[in-house]
């Protein structure tokens, strides 16, 4: 897809109508809304549970705690992955307490019931003391849908939901050229936050906040509206293409010296920033040429399959309702908020970053967490937002408005959102959510 010029901001092919529903505060603050989401939304969508790299051998498992639920994904002898509710059918005890691990038998720590990786009960204490006889071989863990895409494992509580690859459209096709299958998750960080999960979803459904919350990005990402393309799909997902390796057109960064850090990017690809003084806008195409010329020799084997746009631009994919994938040629960011088990004014924020394997590279320079080793889960941590532990410098900025917005939404003075045209994706997100809460299936299953 080519970046459009002119004033249009929504792709004519992928625009969607909106009704103008008032976006009221209760959806962020009320227990009733939270309960409706637990009943009508969360059981019917695909949830990203983990990465396949954690599931190499039979019995390897990933645990994903989501709100009140806990799900385990387990590698099978035949190489497939199956998912089960993380609850013992005996008395309901949680079976797996660790996030990642391996076990030949899933064992309940309460009474010692044991299950094979396929969820079949194989050992209990006093097997002949059951009214219906020995339950071994007859009792199974409650299973969920489980499917994979690229390096990721997903689960779904709805047995009638569309297959994962259909649910994800158009992103499996749009992201195919990046070669994500063997990318390495270098960090997975998360935090407990003092705001509703939808506040950050709204934030990721617009770029209006970039000049105020992320001003430093303006020197190497062009957030100007004429060059940013928004797309909204029938299934509720949406995306945004932002021109990269080019300063914003909101300000005059193009008539003088190449601004930092774009000047360092130019040098990294053997270009002299001084040659582009007064014509900074030409640097993007020059970097494309240099990446084509030098990238494969530096170990970036995936460059050959990428379009020019993918080599330098940022593709921000927002999946209904709570998952964002932000792609650049050397980094895949996963950004997600999940609900608190009981408090609508709290959520869990998660930030993962994946990187392509590059022969000879042992360290990744300039990640959102600084320089870290290029190895699986080099940094894994959970914190409370505000305790000084970074979730990535841009993510920290996004989260900085969460608590104050949650507080403001509780005011009697707030009468509903007043949105710009460029925030239309927020409007549609809430209208789709309204429909689901009223009983419609999630848009990707319609």
Protein backbone atom coordinates (compact mmCIF):
# COMPACT_ATOMS: atom_id res chain seq x y z
CA UNK A 1 0.00 0.00 0.00
CA UNK A 2 1.36 3.42 -0.91
CA UNK A 3 1.29 6.41 1.40
CA UNK A 4 -1.31 8.90 0.21
CA UNK A 5 -0.75 12.59 -0.21
CA UNK A 6 -3.13 15.46 0.20
CA UNK A 7 -5.59 16.00 3.02
CA UNK A 8 -7.22 12.55 3.06
CA UNK A 9 -6.51 10.62 6.22
CA UNK A 10 -8.76 7.56 5.82
CA UNK A 11 -8.15 5.01 3.11
CA UNK A 12 -11.17 5.06 0.75
CA UNK A 13 -10.97 1.27 0.52
CA UNK A 14 -10.94 0.76 4.27
CA UNK A 15 -13.16 3.40 5.82
CA UNK A 16 -16.17 2.62 8.01
CA UNK A 17 -19.25 4.62 9.00
CA UNK A 18 -19.90 5.64 12.59
CA UNK A 19 -23.18 6.48 14.29
CA UNK A 20 -21.98 9.13 16.71
CA UNK A 21 -22.78 7.23 19.94
CA UNK A 22 -21.84 9.29 23.00
CA UNK A 23 -18.77 7.80 24.67
CA UNK A 24 -19.87 8.00 28.29
CA UNK A 25 -17.76 7.77 31.42
CA UNK A 26 -19.56 4.74 32.89
CA UNK A 27 -17.78 2.34 30.52
CA UNK A 28 -14.53 3.28 32.24
CA UNK A 29 -15.79 3.51 35.81
CA UNK A 30 -18.74 1.25 36.53
CA UNK A 31 -18.76 -2.31 37.85
CA UNK A 32 -21.81 -3.01 35.66
CA UNK A 33 -19.83 -2.31 32.48
CA UNK A 34 -16.99 -4.48 33.71
CA UNK A 35 -19.39 -7.37 34.40
CA UNK A 36 -20.96 -7.00 30.96
CA UNK A 37 -17.52 -7.20 29.35
CA UNK A 38 -16.67 -10.32 31.33
CA UNK A 39 -19.90 -11.93 30.18
CA UNK A 40 -20.22 -10.77 26.58
CA UNK A 41 -16.80 -9.68 25.32
CA UNK A 42 -13.85 -11.54 26.78
CA UNK A 43 -15.19 -15.12 26.37
CA UNK A 44 -15.60 -14.62 22.61
CA UNK A 45 -12.29 -13.23 21.36
CA UNK A 46 -8.86 -14.67 20.60
CA UNK A 47 -6.34 -13.91 23.36
CA UNK A 48 -2.59 -13.82 22.80
CA UNK A 49 -1.28 -16.33 25.34
CA UNK A 50 2.46 -16.45 24.72
CA UNK A 51 5.21 -17.31 22.27
CA UNK A 52 5.99 -20.66 20.68
CA UNK A 53 9.63 -20.33 21.77
CA UNK A 54 8.53 -21.30 25.29
CA UNK A 55 6.99 -24.54 24.00
CA UNK A 56 9.79 -26.69 22.57
CA UNK A 57 9.27 -30.12 24.16
CA UNK A 58 6.29 -32.20 25.28
CA UNK A 59 5.11 -30.97 28.66
CA UNK A 60 6.41 -27.42 28.21
CA UNK A 61 3.74 -24.95 29.31
CA UNK A 62 2.81 -21.27 29.36
CA UNK A 63 0.35 -19.86 31.86
CA UNK A 64 -1.71 -16.78 31.00
CA UNK A 65 -3.67 -15.16 33.80
CA UNK A 66 -6.40 -13.02 32.31
CA UNK A 67 -8.73 -11.15 34.66
CA UNK A 68 -10.45 -13.86 36.70
CA UNK A 69 -9.38 -16.67 34.39
CA UNK A 70 -6.16 -18.59 34.11
CA UNK A 71 -5.27 -20.63 31.04
CA UNK A 72 -2.37 -23.01 30.42
CA UNK A 73 -1.03 -23.86 26.96
CA UNK A 74 0.82 -27.17 26.82
CA UNK A 75 3.06 -28.70 24.14
CA UNK A 76 1.86 -32.15 23.01
CA UNK A 77 3.79 -35.22 21.89
CA UNK A 78 2.68 -34.67 18.30
CA UNK A 79 4.06 -31.11 18.26
CA UNK A 80 0.72 -29.34 18.61
CA UNK A 81 -0.29 -27.03 21.46
CA UNK A 82 -3.44 -27.48 23.51
CA UNK A 83 -4.98 -25.06 26.01
CA UNK A 84 -6.84 -25.82 29.23
CA UNK A 85 -8.47 -23.84 31.99
CA UNK A 86 -5.97 -23.75 34.84
CA UNK A 87 -8.29 -25.33 37.39
CA UNK A 88 -8.42 -28.77 38.96
CA UNK A 89 -11.74 -30.56 38.32
CA UNK A 90 -11.54 -31.99 41.85
CA UNK A 91 -12.00 -28.87 43.98
CA UNK A 92 -11.04 -26.01 41.68
CA UNK A 93 -7.47 -25.38 42.82
CA UNK A 94 -5.15 -23.62 40.37
CA UNK A 95 -2.88 -26.24 38.87
CA UNK A 96 0.03 -24.26 37.42
CA UNK A 97 1.38 -21.36 39.46
CA UNK A 98 4.48 -20.50 37.42
CA UNK A 99 4.32 -18.52 34.18
CA UNK A 100 6.57 -20.76 32.08
CA UNK A 101 7.97 -24.23 32.70
CA UNK A 102 7.92 -27.91 31.87
CA UNK A 103 6.44 -30.93 33.58
CA UNK A 104 5.77 -34.55 32.53
CA UNK A 105 2.53 -34.39 34.53
CA UNK A 106 0.38 -31.43 35.53
CA UNK A 107 0.03 -31.94 39.26
CA UNK A 108 -2.40 -30.27 41.63
CA UNK A 109 -0.61 -29.06 44.74
CA UNK A 110 -3.68 -29.62 46.94
CA UNK A 111 -4.44 -33.35 46.74
CA UNK A 112 -1.89 -34.50 44.20
CA UNK A 113 -4.15 -35.24 41.23
CA UNK A 114 -2.01 -35.68 38.12
CA UNK A 115 -2.82 -35.08 34.45
CA UNK A 116 -0.92 -35.95 31.30
CA UNK A 117 -0.02 -33.08 28.94
CA UNK A 118 -3.15 -33.90 26.94
CA UNK A 119 -5.28 -33.10 30.01
CA UNK A 120 -6.21 -36.69 30.94
CA UNK A 121 -6.32 -37.58 34.63
CA UNK A 122 -3.77 -40.37 35.21
CA UNK A 123 -3.21 -40.56 38.97
CA UNK A 124 -5.21 -39.80 42.14
CA UNK A 125 -5.00 -40.70 45.77
CA UNK A 126 -7.36 -43.50 46.84
CA UNK A 127 -8.71 -44.16 43.32
CA UNK A 128 -11.24 -46.75 44.55
CA UNK A 129 -12.88 -44.32 47.00
CA UNK A 130 -15.03 -42.61 44.33
CA UNK A 131 -18.74 -43.47 44.02
CA UNK A 132 -18.37 -43.83 40.25
CA UNK A 133 -15.17 -45.84 40.42
CA UNK A 134 -11.61 -44.91 39.55
CA UNK A 135 -11.77 -41.56 37.66
CA UNK A 136 -8.38 -41.96 35.97
CA UNK A 137 -8.65 -41.99 32.20
CA UNK A 138 -12.23 -40.69 32.42
CA UNK A 139 -11.72 -37.14 33.72
CA UNK A 140 -10.09 -34.45 31.60
CA UNK A 141 -9.12 -30.85 32.06
CA UNK A 142 -11.56 -28.42 30.46
CA UNK A 143 -10.12 -27.59 27.04
CA UNK A 144 -10.22 -24.33 25.05
CA UNK A 145 -9.52 -23.49 21.44
CA UNK A 146 -5.79 -23.04 20.83
CA UNK A 147 -4.12 -21.98 17.57
CA UNK A 148 -0.85 -20.40 16.48
CA UNK A 149 0.26 -17.67 14.10
CA UNK A 150 3.87 -16.69 13.44
CA UNK A 151 5.75 -16.89 16.76
CA UNK A 152 2.55 -16.54 18.82
CA UNK A 153 0.11 -18.86 20.63
CA UNK A 154 -3.53 -17.78 21.02
CA UNK A 155 -6.51 -19.22 22.95
CA UNK A 156 -10.25 -18.66 22.82
CA UNK A 157 -13.03 -19.71 25.19
CA UNK A 158 -15.63 -19.67 22.40
CA UNK A 159 -15.72 -22.99 20.55
CA UNK A 160 -17.77 -21.36 17.77
CA UNK A 161 -15.41 -18.44 17.09
CA UNK A 162 -13.84 -18.08 13.67
CA UNK A 163 -10.43 -19.71 13.21
CA UNK A 164 -7.56 -17.57 14.38
CA UNK A 165 -6.21 -16.68 10.93
CA UNK A 166 -9.64 -15.50 9.84
CA UNK A 167 -10.04 -13.50 13.05
CA UNK A 168 -6.69 -11.78 12.47
CA UNK A 169 -7.34 -10.63 8.88
CA UNK A 170 -5.76 -8.75 7.19
CA UNK A 171 -2.66 -8.80 9.36
CA UNK A 172 -1.23 -12.28 8.64
CA UNK A 173 -1.03 -11.28 4.98
CA UNK A 174 0.02 -7.68 5.63
CA UNK A 175 2.83 -8.75 7.99
CA UNK A 176 4.01 -11.82 6.06
CA UNK A 177 6.99 -10.03 4.48
CA UNK A 178 8.58 -9.31 7.84
CA UNK A 179 9.20 -13.03 8.47
CA UNK A 180 8.06 -12.91 12.09
CA UNK A 181 8.09 -16.70 12.51
CA UNK A 182 11.63 -16.83 13.88
CA UNK A 183 11.82 -13.43 15.59
CA UNK A 184 13.05 -13.45 19.18
CA UNK A 185 11.06 -11.98 22.08
CA UNK A 186 13.83 -10.11 23.87
CA UNK A 187 11.68 -8.61 26.61
CA UNK A 188 8.26 -9.08 28.16
CA UNK A 189 7.39 -6.50 30.81
CA UNK A 190 4.07 -5.69 32.45
CA UNK A 191 2.59 -3.55 35.18
CA UNK A 192 -0.49 -3.11 37.34
CA UNK A 193 -2.05 0.26 36.50
CA UNK A 194 -4.62 2.56 38.11
CA UNK A 195 -6.94 3.06 35.16
CA UNK A 196 -9.45 1.18 33.02
CA UNK A 197 -8.07 -0.99 30.21
CA UNK A 198 -9.89 1.06 27.54
CA UNK A 199 -8.03 4.28 28.31
CA UNK A 200 -4.85 3.00 26.70
CA UNK A 201 -6.85 1.32 23.94
CA UNK A 202 -8.25 4.74 23.05
CA UNK A 203 -4.71 6.10 23.10
CA UNK A 204 -3.54 3.47 20.61
CA UNK A 205 -6.54 4.21 18.37
CA UNK A 206 -5.29 7.73 17.59
CA UNK A 207 -2.10 9.63 16.79
CA UNK A 208 -3.47 12.98 17.96
CA UNK A 209 -1.42 12.68 21.16
CA UNK A 210 1.98 12.28 19.49
CA UNK A 211 2.99 15.98 19.40
CA UNK A 212 2.18 16.44 23.11
CA UNK A 213 3.00 13.07 24.73
CA UNK A 214 5.85 11.95 22.41
CA UNK A 215 7.38 15.18 21.03
CA UNK A 216 10.81 13.61 20.55
CA UNK A 217 9.39 11.20 17.95
CA UNK A 218 8.69 14.08 15.59
CA UNK A 219 12.27 14.19 14.34
CA UNK A 220 12.19 10.70 12.79
CA UNK A 221 8.47 9.76 12.47
CA UNK A 222 6.27 11.98 10.33
CA UNK A 223 3.02 12.26 12.25
CA UNK A 224 1.63 14.90 9.91
CA UNK A 225 -1.93 14.13 8.89
CA UNK A 226 -1.50 14.43 5.09
CA UNK A 227 1.02 11.56 5.09
CA UNK A 228 -0.58 9.30 7.72
CA UNK A 229 -3.04 6.71 6.43
CA UNK A 230 -5.76 5.21 8.66
CA UNK A 231 -7.60 2.02 7.77
CA UNK A 232 -10.65 0.45 9.44
CA UNK A 233 -11.74 -3.07 8.54
CA UNK A 234 -15.11 -4.81 8.60
CA UNK A 235 -13.99 -7.13 11.40
CA UNK A 236 -13.35 -4.31 13.87
CA UNK A 237 -9.59 -4.14 13.55
CA UNK A 238 -7.81 -1.06 12.24
CA UNK A 239 -4.36 0.17 11.32
CA UNK A 240 -2.23 3.24 10.78
CA UNK A 241 0.72 3.72 8.42
CA UNK A 242 3.13 6.44 9.57
CA UNK A 243 6.01 7.62 7.42
CA UNK A 244 9.29 6.78 9.12
CA UNK A 245 12.84 8.05 8.68
CA UNK A 246 11.37 11.48 8.01
CA UNK A 247 10.70 14.39 10.34
CA UNK A 248 7.16 15.56 10.95
CA UNK A 249 5.55 18.03 8.57
CA UNK A 250 3.78 19.65 11.54
CA UNK A 251 6.99 21.64 12.12
CA UNK A 252 9.82 22.88 9.92
CA UNK A 253 12.47 20.19 10.30
CA UNK A 254 13.26 20.03 6.58
CA UNK A 255 14.97 23.32 5.74
CA UNK A 256 18.02 23.00 8.01
CA UNK A 257 20.29 20.30 9.40
CA UNK A 258 19.08 16.73 9.69
CA UNK A 259 17.71 16.50 13.25
CA UNK A 260 18.79 13.94 15.84
CA UNK A 261 18.38 10.98 16.00
CA UNK A 262 17.70 10.85 12.26
CA UNK A 263 21.27 12.02 11.67
CA UNK A 264 22.62 8.99 13.55
CA UNK A 265 20.35 6.69 11.55
CA UNK A 266 21.80 8.16 8.37
CA UNK A 267 25.36 7.56 9.57
CA UNK A 268 24.47 4.00 10.56
CA UNK A 269 23.60 3.38 6.90
CA UNK A 270 26.77 5.11 5.65
CA UNK A 271 25.06 8.35 4.66
CA UNK A 272 26.46 11.79 5.52
CA UNK A 273 23.72 13.94 7.11
CA UNK A 274 25.47 17.05 5.82
CA UNK A 275 24.62 15.97 2.29
CA UNK A 276 20.93 16.33 3.16
CA UNK A 277 20.99 19.74 4.78
CA UNK A 278 17.94 21.63 3.58
CA UNK A 279 16.39 18.51 2.07
CA UNK A 280 15.83 16.21 5.01
CA UNK A 281 12.76 14.79 3.30
CA UNK A 282 15.00 13.07 0.72
CA UNK A 283 16.76 11.03 3.37
CA UNK A 284 14.01 8.41 3.64
CA UNK A 285 14.47 7.18 0.07
CA UNK A 286 18.24 7.21 0.46
CA UNK A 287 17.95 4.97 3.52
CA UNK A 288 15.77 2.57 1.54
CA UNK A 289 18.54 2.30 -1.06
CA UNK A 290 21.19 1.74 1.57
CA UNK A 291 19.15 -0.89 3.36
CA UNK A 292 18.71 -2.72 0.08
CA UNK A 293 22.46 -2.48 -0.56
CA UNK A 294 23.90 -3.13 2.89
CA UNK A 295 21.16 -4.89 4.87
CA UNK A 296 21.65 -8.50 3.71
CA UNK A 297 25.40 -8.28 4.31
CA UNK A 298 24.71 -7.10 7.85
CA UNK A 299 22.52 -10.13 8.52
CA UNK A 300 19.07 -8.67 7.86
CA UNK A 301 17.88 -11.51 5.65
CA UNK A 302 14.26 -10.40 5.94
CA UNK A 303 14.94 -7.16 4.03
CA UNK A 304 14.80 -8.99 0.70
CA UNK A 305 11.11 -9.81 1.14
CA UNK A 306 10.03 -6.38 2.41
CA UNK A 307 8.54 -3.57 0.37
CA UNK A 308 10.26 -0.18 0.40
CA UNK A 309 7.54 1.09 2.69
CA UNK A 310 8.08 -1.73 5.15
CA UNK A 311 11.82 -0.99 5.21
CA UNK A 312 11.36 2.51 6.63
CA UNK A 313 7.79 3.09 7.83
CA UNK A 314 5.76 2.13 10.92
CA UNK A 315 2.68 -0.07 10.66
CA UNK A 316 0.50 0.23 13.76
CA UNK A 317 -2.07 -2.62 13.88
CA UNK A 318 -4.86 -2.38 16.44
CA UNK A 319 -6.93 -5.52 16.92
CA UNK A 320 -10.36 -5.33 18.50
CA UNK A 321 -10.59 -5.08 21.39
CA UNK A 322 -7.26 -4.92 23.26
CA UNK A 323 -4.20 -5.95 21.25
CA UNK A 324 -1.78 -3.73 19.33
CA UNK A 325 1.09 -4.85 17.08
CA UNK A 326 3.47 -2.11 15.97
CA UNK A 327 5.81 -3.14 13.17
CA UNK A 328 9.04 -1.65 11.95
CA UNK A 329 11.66 -3.53 9.94
CA UNK A 330 13.80 -4.38 12.98
CA UNK A 331 11.25 -4.49 15.80
CA UNK A 332 7.79 -5.89 16.57
CA UNK A 333 6.07 -4.38 19.60
CA UNK A 334 3.14 -6.04 21.36
CA UNK A 335 1.11 -3.61 23.47
CA UNK A 336 -1.93 -4.77 25.39
CA UNK A 337 -4.15 -3.87 28.31
CA UNK A 338 -6.22 -6.46 30.16
CA UNK A 339 -8.94 -5.96 32.77
CA UNK A 340 -8.48 -6.20 36.51
CA UNK A 341 -10.39 -9.13 38.06
CA UNK A 342 -12.79 -6.86 39.99
CA UNK A 343 -11.92 -3.14 39.82
CA UNK A 344 -12.93 -1.20 36.66
CA UNK A 345 -10.45 1.54 37.56
CA UNK A 346 -7.47 -0.84 37.24
CA UNK A 347 -5.86 -2.92 34.52
CA UNK A 348 -2.70 -4.78 33.54
CA UNK A 349 -0.48 -3.32 30.82
CA UNK A 350 1.86 -5.60 28.87
CA UNK A 351 4.71 -4.70 26.53
CA UNK A 352 6.70 -7.25 24.53
CA UNK A 353 9.35 -6.62 21.89
CA UNK A 354 10.54 -9.11 19.28
CA UNK A 355 13.57 -8.78 17.04
CA UNK A 356 14.81 -10.63 13.95
CA UNK A 357 17.74 -13.01 14.47
CA UNK A 358 20.85 -11.46 12.94
CA UNK A 359 23.93 -13.62 12.52
CA UNK A 360 26.72 -12.41 14.77
CA UNK A 361 24.53 -9.97 16.72
CA UNK A 362 24.55 -10.56 20.47
CA UNK A 363 23.14 -7.24 21.67
CA UNK A 364 20.24 -5.09 20.48
CA UNK A 365 21.03 -1.39 20.56
CA UNK A 366 18.43 1.22 21.43
CA UNK A 367 15.44 -0.91 22.43
CA UNK A 368 12.70 0.78 24.49
CA UNK A 369 14.57 -0.57 27.53
CA UNK A 370 18.02 0.40 26.27
CA UNK A 371 20.72 -1.99 25.07
CA UNK A 372 19.85 -5.61 25.94
CA UNK A 373 21.08 -9.05 24.85
CA UNK A 374 19.57 -10.54 21.70
CA UNK A 375 18.22 -13.62 23.43
CA UNK A 376 14.83 -15.01 24.36
CA UNK A 377 13.29 -13.10 27.27
CA UNK A 378 16.49 -11.33 28.25
CA UNK A 379 14.29 -9.02 30.37
CA UNK A 380 11.10 -10.27 32.04
CA UNK A 381 9.50 -8.39 34.91
CA UNK A 382 6.20 -7.31 36.43
CA UNK A 383 5.83 -4.08 38.38
CA UNK A 384 3.36 -1.46 39.51
CA UNK A 385 3.21 1.56 37.25
CA UNK A 386 4.66 4.57 39.01
CA UNK A 387 7.23 2.67 41.05
CA UNK A 388 10.06 3.87 38.81
CA UNK A 389 10.48 0.67 36.78
CA UNK A 390 10.37 1.47 33.06
CA UNK A 391 8.06 -0.29 30.63
CA UNK A 392 9.84 1.36 27.69
CA UNK A 393 10.34 5.08 27.26
CA UNK A 394 7.44 5.61 24.83
CA UNK A 395 5.14 3.26 26.78
CA UNK A 396 5.95 5.17 29.97
CA UNK A 397 4.77 8.35 28.26
CA UNK A 398 1.54 6.69 27.10
CA UNK A 399 0.80 5.40 30.58
CA UNK A 400 1.55 8.78 32.16
CA UNK A 401 -1.91 10.10 31.25
CA UNK A 402 -3.83 7.01 32.39
CA UNK A 403 -4.37 7.75 36.07
CA UNK A 404 -5.23 11.44 35.60
CA UNK A 405 -7.68 10.58 32.82
CA UNK A 406 -9.34 7.93 34.97
CA UNK A 407 -9.73 10.51 37.72
CA UNK A 408 -11.15 13.08 35.32
CA UNK A 409 -13.69 10.63 33.92
CA UNK A 410 -15.23 10.39 37.38
CA UNK A 411 -16.14 14.06 37.29
CA UNK A 412 -19.75 15.17 36.91
CA UNK A 413 -18.33 17.76 34.54
CA UNK A 414 -17.43 15.16 31.91
CA UNK A 415 -20.37 14.74 29.51
CA UNK A 416 -18.81 12.47 26.88
CA UNK A 417 -15.87 12.53 24.48
CA UNK A 418 -15.49 15.32 21.88
CA UNK A 419 -13.45 13.73 19.10
CA UNK A 420 -11.57 15.08 16.11
CA UNK A 421 -12.03 13.47 12.70
CA UNK A 422 -8.65 11.79 13.05
CA UNK A 423 -9.95 10.05 16.20
CA UNK A 424 -12.69 8.26 14.29
CA UNK A 425 -11.13 4.90 15.18
CA UNK A 426 -11.92 5.61 18.84
CA UNK A 427 -15.53 6.33 17.94
CA UNK A 428 -15.87 3.09 16.02
CA UNK A 429 -14.15 1.07 18.75
CA UNK A 430 -16.73 2.21 21.30
CA UNK A 431 -19.66 1.69 18.96
CA UNK A 432 -18.50 -1.88 18.31
CA UNK A 433 -18.13 -2.35 22.05
CA UNK A 434 -21.64 -0.97 22.58
CA UNK A 435 -22.99 -3.54 20.12
CA UNK A 436 -21.22 -6.42 21.86
CA UNK A 437 -22.47 -5.35 25.29
CA UNK A 438 -26.01 -5.26 23.86
CA UNK A 439 -25.65 -8.86 22.71
CA UNK A 440 -24.05 -8.80 19.25
CA UNK A 441 -21.09 -11.12 18.61
CA UNK A 442 -17.63 -9.56 18.36
CA UNK A 443 -17.25 -7.95 14.92
CA UNK A 444 -14.65 -10.44 13.72
CA UNK A 445 -17.21 -13.26 14.18
CA UNK A 446 -20.09 -11.54 12.38
